[in-house]
Amino acid sequence: MVRRKRFELLSREANLNGNHCMKRGILLVCEIMKIFAAITMLILVATVSAQNTGKNKKIEDAVLKVITDQAAAWNRGDLEGFMEGYWKSENLRFVSGNSIAKGWQAALDRYKKGYDTREKMGVLTFSELEVTVLDKKSAYVKGRFTLERKEDKPTGLFTLIFRKIDGEWKVVHDHTST
């Protein structure tokens, strides 16, 4: 009789706590299972996160290579080579100052007009680069450009939107301010 009352008391206590396990041994097993489930979830989240980080790193590296290649072309005085990083499409947008160049050729013509000599081009460097991967086919980069010239050192901020098009990362939208 005493045993039965004790069991009923434990049973009521377990039900009041929202736990439907009836005996102490089962309570212990339930707690261990909860801990095991929590640890399993943490391991799963960490694994998925590590896989995504690896994929993102590849995309970040590919996007940064485009920017590095653009700077190298610029510093050789090769505007067409610099423009290889841009999407060769009428849908390309280049926003700077108070105007928008629509299309790849319009952007190239704008560069040719503004930087028609090596002295005007100077030496281009990029800094403060932050790459954000949006998905496996799109990313954006925020950063600072600086032109080192004999007479001045213009600098400004930019945001570049990249898309993977036909297997290559290309700038589809450039917003630059000085």
C-alpha atoms as a PDB file:
ATOM      1  CA  MET A   1       0.000   0.000   0.000  1.00  0.00           C
ATOM      2  CA  VAL A   2       2.800   2.404   0.859  1.00  0.00           C
ATOM      3  CA  ARG A   3       4.510   1.591  -2.387  1.00  0.00           C
ATOM      4  CA  ARG A   4       1.351   2.275  -4.358  1.00  0.00           C
ATOM      5  CA  LYS A   5       0.811   5.667  -2.670  1.00  0.00           C
ATOM      6  CA  ARG A   6       4.436   6.603  -3.338  1.00  0.00           C
ATOM      7  CA  PHE A   7       3.994   5.632  -7.016  1.00  0.00           C
ATOM      8  CA  GLU A   8       0.801   7.690  -7.253  1.00  0.00           C
ATOM      9  CA  LEU A   9       2.565  10.654  -5.660  1.00  0.00           C
ATOM     10  CA  LEU A  10       5.461  10.397  -8.131  1.00  0.00           C
ATOM     11  CA  SER A  11       2.995   9.960 -10.949  1.00  0.00           C
ATOM     12  CA  ARG A  12       1.057  13.095  -9.961  1.00  0.00           C
ATOM     13  CA  GLU A  13       4.295  15.081  -9.548  1.00  0.00           C
ATOM     14  CA  ALA A  14       5.509  13.994 -12.979  1.00  0.00           C
ATOM     15  CA  ASN A  15       2.177  14.947 -14.590  1.00  0.00           C
ATOM     16  CA  LEU A  16       2.178  18.337 -12.856  1.00  0.00           C
ATOM     17  CA  ASN A  17       5.618  19.048 -14.324  1.00  0.00           C
ATOM     18  CA  GLY A  18       4.307  18.239 -17.791  1.00  0.00           C
ATOM     19  CA  ASN A  19       6.366  15.070 -17.982  1.00  0.00           C
ATOM     20  CA  HIS A  20       4.491  11.901 -18.814  1.00  0.00           C
ATOM     21  CA  CYS A  21       7.249   9.570 -17.683  1.00  0.00           C
ATOM     22  CA  MET A  22       6.043   7.721 -14.586  1.00  0.00           C
ATOM     23  CA  LYS A  23       9.093   6.418 -12.750  1.00  0.00           C
ATOM     24  CA  ARG A  24      12.364   7.932 -11.645  1.00  0.00           C
ATOM     25  CA  GLY A  25      14.339   5.618 -13.913  1.00  0.00           C
ATOM     26  CA  ILE A  26      12.253   6.642 -16.874  1.00  0.00           C
ATOM     27  CA  LEU A  27      12.639  10.294 -15.873  1.00  0.00           C
ATOM     28  CA  LEU A  28      16.408   9.881 -15.983  1.00  0.00           C
ATOM     29  CA  VAL A  29      16.242   8.212 -19.403  1.00  0.00           C
ATOM     30  CA  CYS A  30      14.016  11.030 -20.690  1.00  0.00           C
ATOM     31  CA  GLU A  31      16.492  13.656 -19.475  1.00  0.00           C
ATOM     32  CA  ILE A  32      19.404  11.809 -21.085  1.00  0.00           C
ATOM     33  CA  MET A  33      17.447  11.586 -24.349  1.00  0.00           C
ATOM     34  CA  LYS A  34      16.750  15.336 -24.248  1.00  0.00           C
ATOM     35  CA  ILE A  35      20.453  16.072 -23.733  1.00  0.00           C
ATOM     36  CA  PHE A  36      21.419  13.658 -26.510  1.00  0.00           C
ATOM     37  CA  ALA A  37      18.904  15.287 -28.881  1.00  0.00           C
ATOM     38  CA  ALA A  38      20.253  18.752 -28.051  1.00  0.00           C
ATOM     39  CA  ILE A  39      23.860  17.657 -28.665  1.00  0.00           C
ATOM     40  CA  THR A  40      22.856  15.978 -31.936  1.00  0.00           C
ATOM     41  CA  MET A  41      21.165  19.192 -33.116  1.00  0.00           C
ATOM     42  CA  LEU A  42      24.241  21.267 -32.248  1.00  0.00           C
ATOM     43  CA  ILE A  43      26.486  18.895 -34.199  1.00  0.00           C
ATOM     44  CA  LEU A  44      24.121  18.993 -37.170  1.00  0.00           C
ATOM     45  CA  VAL A  45      23.943  22.810 -37.171  1.00  0.00           C
ATOM     46  CA  ALA A  46      27.745  23.076 -36.865  1.00  0.00           C
ATOM     47  CA  THR A  47      28.247  20.648 -39.770  1.00  0.00           C
ATOM     48  CA  VAL A  48      25.821  22.465 -42.076  1.00  0.00           C
ATOM     49  CA  SER A  49      27.340  25.810 -41.099  1.00  0.00           C
ATOM     50  CA  ALA A  50      30.860  24.552 -41.855  1.00  0.00           C
ATOM     51  CA  GLN A  51      29.735  23.270 -45.265  1.00  0.00           C
ATOM     52  CA  ASN A  52      28.125  26.625 -46.114  1.00  0.00           C
ATOM     53  CA  THR A  53      31.233  28.487 -44.968  1.00  0.00           C
ATOM     54  CA  GLY A  54      33.340  26.385 -47.348  1.00  0.00           C
ATOM     55  CA  LYS A  55      31.013  27.083 -50.260  1.00  0.00           C
ATOM     56  CA  ASN A  56      30.865  30.777 -49.419  1.00  0.00           C
ATOM     57  CA  LYS A  57      34.665  30.956 -49.229  1.00  0.00           C
ATOM     58  CA  LYS A  58      34.932  29.636 -52.801  1.00  0.00           C
ATOM     59  CA  ILE A  59      32.445  32.250 -54.005  1.00  0.00           C
ATOM     60  CA  GLU A  60      34.165  35.038 -52.041  1.00  0.00           C
ATOM     61  CA  ASP A  61      37.530  34.053 -53.534  1.00  0.00           C
ATOM     62  CA  ALA A  62      36.098  33.987 -57.068  1.00  0.00           C
ATOM     63  CA  VAL A  63      34.495  37.422 -56.652  1.00  0.00           C
ATOM     64  CA  LEU A  64      37.669  38.904 -55.146  1.00  0.00           C
ATOM     65  CA  LYS A  65      39.678  37.486 -58.065  1.00  0.00           C
ATOM     66  CA  VAL A  66      37.482  39.480 -60.462  1.00  0.00           C
ATOM     67  CA  ILE A  67      38.208  42.666 -58.497  1.00  0.00           C
ATOM     68  CA  THR A  68      41.941  41.898 -58.290  1.00  0.00           C
ATOM     69  CA  ASP A  69      42.075  41.251 -62.054  1.00  0.00           C
ATOM     70  CA  GLN A  70      40.230  44.527 -62.666  1.00  0.00           C
ATOM     71  CA  ALA A  71      42.766  46.502 -60.608  1.00  0.00           C
ATOM     72  CA  ALA A  72      45.642  44.821 -62.468  1.00  0.00           C
ATOM     73  CA  ALA A  73      44.103  45.690 -65.856  1.00  0.00           C
ATOM     74  CA  TRP A  74      43.455  49.285 -64.757  1.00  0.00           C
ATOM     75  CA  ASN A  75      47.021  49.685 -63.570  1.00  0.00           C
ATOM     76  CA  ARG A  76      48.274  48.441 -66.972  1.00  0.00           C
ATOM     77  CA  GLY A  77      46.148  51.150 -68.625  1.00  0.00           C
ATOM     78  CA  ASP A  78      43.841  48.478 -70.083  1.00  0.00           C
ATOM     79  CA  LEU A  79      40.273  49.783 -69.774  1.00  0.00           C
ATOM     80  CA  GLU A  80      38.839  46.978 -71.932  1.00  0.00           C
ATOM     81  CA  GLY A  81      40.569  44.454 -69.636  1.00  0.00           C
ATOM     82  CA  PHE A  82      39.152  46.281 -66.623  1.00  0.00           C
ATOM     83  CA  MET A  83      35.683  46.024 -68.170  1.00  0.00           C
ATOM     84  CA  GLU A  84      36.032  42.224 -68.518  1.00  0.00           C
ATOM     85  CA  GLY A  85      34.810  42.054 -64.905  1.00  0.00           C
ATOM     86  CA  TYR A  86      31.504  43.629 -65.938  1.00  0.00           C
ATOM     87  CA  TRP A  87      28.527  41.882 -67.519  1.00  0.00           C
ATOM     88  CA  LYS A  88      28.663  42.591 -71.240  1.00  0.00           C
ATOM     89  CA  SER A  89      24.984  43.442 -71.519  1.00  0.00           C
ATOM     90  CA  GLU A  90      22.671  46.371 -72.087  1.00  0.00           C
ATOM     91  CA  ASN A  91      21.246  45.529 -68.653  1.00  0.00           C
ATOM     92  CA  LEU A  92      24.467  46.455 -66.816  1.00  0.00           C
ATOM     93  CA  ARG A  93      23.997  49.530 -64.597  1.00  0.00           C
ATOM     94  CA  PHE A  94      26.758  51.864 -63.465  1.00  0.00           C
ATOM     95  CA  VAL A  95      25.671  54.594 -61.034  1.00  0.00           C
ATOM     96  CA  SER A  96      28.097  57.374 -60.128  1.00  0.00           C
ATOM     97  CA  GLY A  97      27.618  60.974 -59.163  1.00  0.00           C
ATOM     98  CA  ASN A  98      24.329  62.158 -60.548  1.00  0.00           C
ATOM     99  CA  SER A  99      24.097  59.825 -63.525  1.00  0.00           C
ATOM    100  CA  ILE A 100      23.482  56.251 -64.605  1.00  0.00           C
ATOM    101  CA  ALA A 101      25.289  54.544 -67.459  1.00  0.00           C
ATOM    102  CA  LYS A 102      23.037  51.893 -68.955  1.00  0.00           C
ATOM    103  CA  GLY A 103      24.829  49.040 -70.684  1.00  0.00           C
ATOM    104  CA  TRP A 104      28.376  47.735 -70.929  1.00  0.00           C
ATOM    105  CA  GLN A 105      29.387  49.958 -73.866  1.00  0.00           C
ATOM    106  CA  ALA A 106      28.052  53.095 -72.150  1.00  0.00           C
ATOM    107  CA  ALA A 107      30.105  52.271 -69.042  1.00  0.00           C
ATOM    108  CA  LEU A 108      33.250  51.692 -71.129  1.00  0.00           C
ATOM    109  CA  ASP A 109      32.687  54.956 -73.041  1.00  0.00           C
ATOM    110  CA  ARG A 110      32.294  56.789 -69.742  1.00  0.00           C
ATOM    111  CA  TYR A 111      35.590  55.376 -68.472  1.00  0.00           C
ATOM    112  CA  LYS A 112      37.355  56.228 -71.737  1.00  0.00           C
ATOM    113  CA  LYS A 113      36.106  59.809 -71.560  1.00  0.00           C
ATOM    114  CA  GLY A 114      37.038  60.354 -67.894  1.00  0.00           C
ATOM    115  CA  TYR A 115      40.343  58.462 -67.941  1.00  0.00           C
ATOM    116  CA  ASP A 116      41.815  59.155 -71.371  1.00  0.00           C
ATOM    117  CA  THR A 117      45.450  59.284 -70.195  1.00  0.00           C
ATOM    118  CA  ARG A 118      47.624  57.134 -67.915  1.00  0.00           C
ATOM    119  CA  GLU A 119      48.090  60.168 -65.659  1.00  0.00           C
ATOM    120  CA  LYS A 120      44.345  60.456 -65.129  1.00  0.00           C
ATOM    121  CA  MET A 121      44.072  56.720 -64.469  1.00  0.00           C
ATOM    122  CA  GLY A 122      46.775  56.695 -61.813  1.00  0.00           C
ATOM    123  CA  VAL A 123      47.216  53.553 -59.728  1.00  0.00           C
ATOM    124  CA  LEU A 124      44.003  51.891 -58.541  1.00  0.00           C
ATOM    125  CA  THR A 125      43.758  50.098 -55.215  1.00  0.00           C
ATOM    126  CA  PHE A 126      40.796  48.579 -53.430  1.00  0.00           C
ATOM    127  CA  SER A 127      40.472  48.363 -49.645  1.00  0.00           C
ATOM    128  CA  GLU A 128      37.907  47.757 -46.896  1.00  0.00           C
ATOM    129  CA  LEU A 129      36.419  44.960 -49.012  1.00  0.00           C
ATOM    130  CA  GLU A 130      33.417  43.099 -47.605  1.00  0.00           C
ATOM    131  CA  VAL A 131      31.967  40.267 -49.653  1.00  0.00           C
ATOM    132  CA  THR A 132      28.450  39.059 -48.845  1.00  0.00           C
ATOM    133  CA  VAL A 133      27.317  35.869 -50.530  1.00  0.00           C
ATOM    134  CA  LEU A 134      23.569  35.911 -51.149  1.00  0.00           C
ATOM    135  CA  ASP A 135      23.279  32.500 -52.788  1.00  0.00           C
ATOM    136  CA  LYS A 136      25.295  30.265 -55.112  1.00  0.00           C
ATOM    137  CA  LYS A 137      24.807  32.656 -58.049  1.00  0.00           C
ATOM    138  CA  SER A 138      24.831  36.123 -56.460  1.00  0.00           C
ATOM    139  CA  ALA A 139      26.926  38.213 -54.098  1.00  0.00           C
ATOM    140  CA  TYR A 140      27.715  41.824 -53.385  1.00  0.00           C
ATOM    141  CA  VAL A 141      30.879  43.644 -52.413  1.00  0.00           C
ATOM    142  CA  LYS A 142      31.243  46.873 -50.465  1.00  0.00           C
ATOM    143  CA  GLY A 143      34.570  48.631 -50.395  1.00  0.00           C
ATOM    144  CA  ARG A 144      36.731  51.658 -51.034  1.00  0.00           C
ATOM    145  CA  PHE A 145      38.685  52.566 -54.155  1.00  0.00           C
ATOM    146  CA  THR A 146      41.649  54.916 -54.256  1.00  0.00           C
ATOM    147  CA  LEU A 147      43.418  56.380 -57.274  1.00  0.00           C
ATOM    148  CA  GLU A 148      46.990  57.403 -56.566  1.00  0.00           C
ATOM    149  CA  ARG A 149      47.936  60.180 -59.028  1.00  0.00           C
ATOM    150  CA  LYS A 150      50.664  62.822 -59.140  1.00  0.00           C
ATOM    151  CA  GLU A 151      48.340  65.711 -58.401  1.00  0.00           C
ATOM    152  CA  ASP A 152      45.691  64.127 -56.187  1.00  0.00           C
ATOM    153  CA  LYS A 153      44.403  60.990 -54.541  1.00  0.00           C
ATOM    154  CA  PRO A 154      40.658  60.600 -55.160  1.00  0.00           C
ATOM    155  CA  THR A 155      38.886  57.969 -53.099  1.00  0.00           C
ATOM    156  CA  GLY A 156      35.333  56.794 -52.655  1.00  0.00           C
ATOM    157  CA  LEU A 157      33.028  53.986 -51.694  1.00  0.00           C
ATOM    158  CA  PHE A 158      31.356  51.439 -53.920  1.00  0.00           C
ATOM    159  CA  THR A 159      28.876  48.608 -53.906  1.00  0.00           C
ATOM    160  CA  LEU A 160      29.132  45.982 -56.631  1.00  0.00           C
ATOM    161  CA  ILE A 161      26.445  43.401 -57.266  1.00  0.00           C
ATOM    162  CA  PHE A 162      27.826  40.191 -58.775  1.00  0.00           C
ATOM    163  CA  ARG A 163      26.034  37.352 -60.542  1.00  0.00           C
ATOM    164  CA  LYS A 164      27.394  34.109 -61.842  1.00  0.00           C
ATOM    165  CA  ILE A 165      26.576  34.204 -65.548  1.00  0.00           C
ATOM    166  CA  ASP A 166      27.589  31.390 -67.885  1.00  0.00           C
ATOM    167  CA  GLY A 167      29.945  30.064 -65.210  1.00  0.00           C
ATOM    168  CA  GLU A 168      31.714  33.408 -64.622  1.00  0.00           C
ATOM    169  CA  TRP A 169      31.281  36.006 -61.882  1.00  0.00           C
ATOM    170  CA  LYS A 170      30.387  39.390 -63.380  1.00  0.00           C
ATOM    171  CA  VAL A 171      29.478  42.806 -61.986  1.00  0.00           C
ATOM    172  CA  VAL A 172      25.870  43.501 -63.015  1.00  0.00           C
ATOM    173  CA  HIS A 173      25.448  46.711 -61.010  1.00  0.00           C
ATOM    174  CA  ASP A 174      28.080  49.199 -59.815  1.00  0.00           C
ATOM    175  CA  HIS A 175      27.234  52.095 -57.494  1.00  0.00           C
ATOM    176  CA  THR A 176      30.289  54.247 -56.846  1.00  0.00           C
ATOM    177  CA  SER A 177      30.513  57.519 -54.948  1.00  0.00           C
ATOM    178  CA  THR A 178      33.418  59.899 -54.443  1.00  0.00           C
END
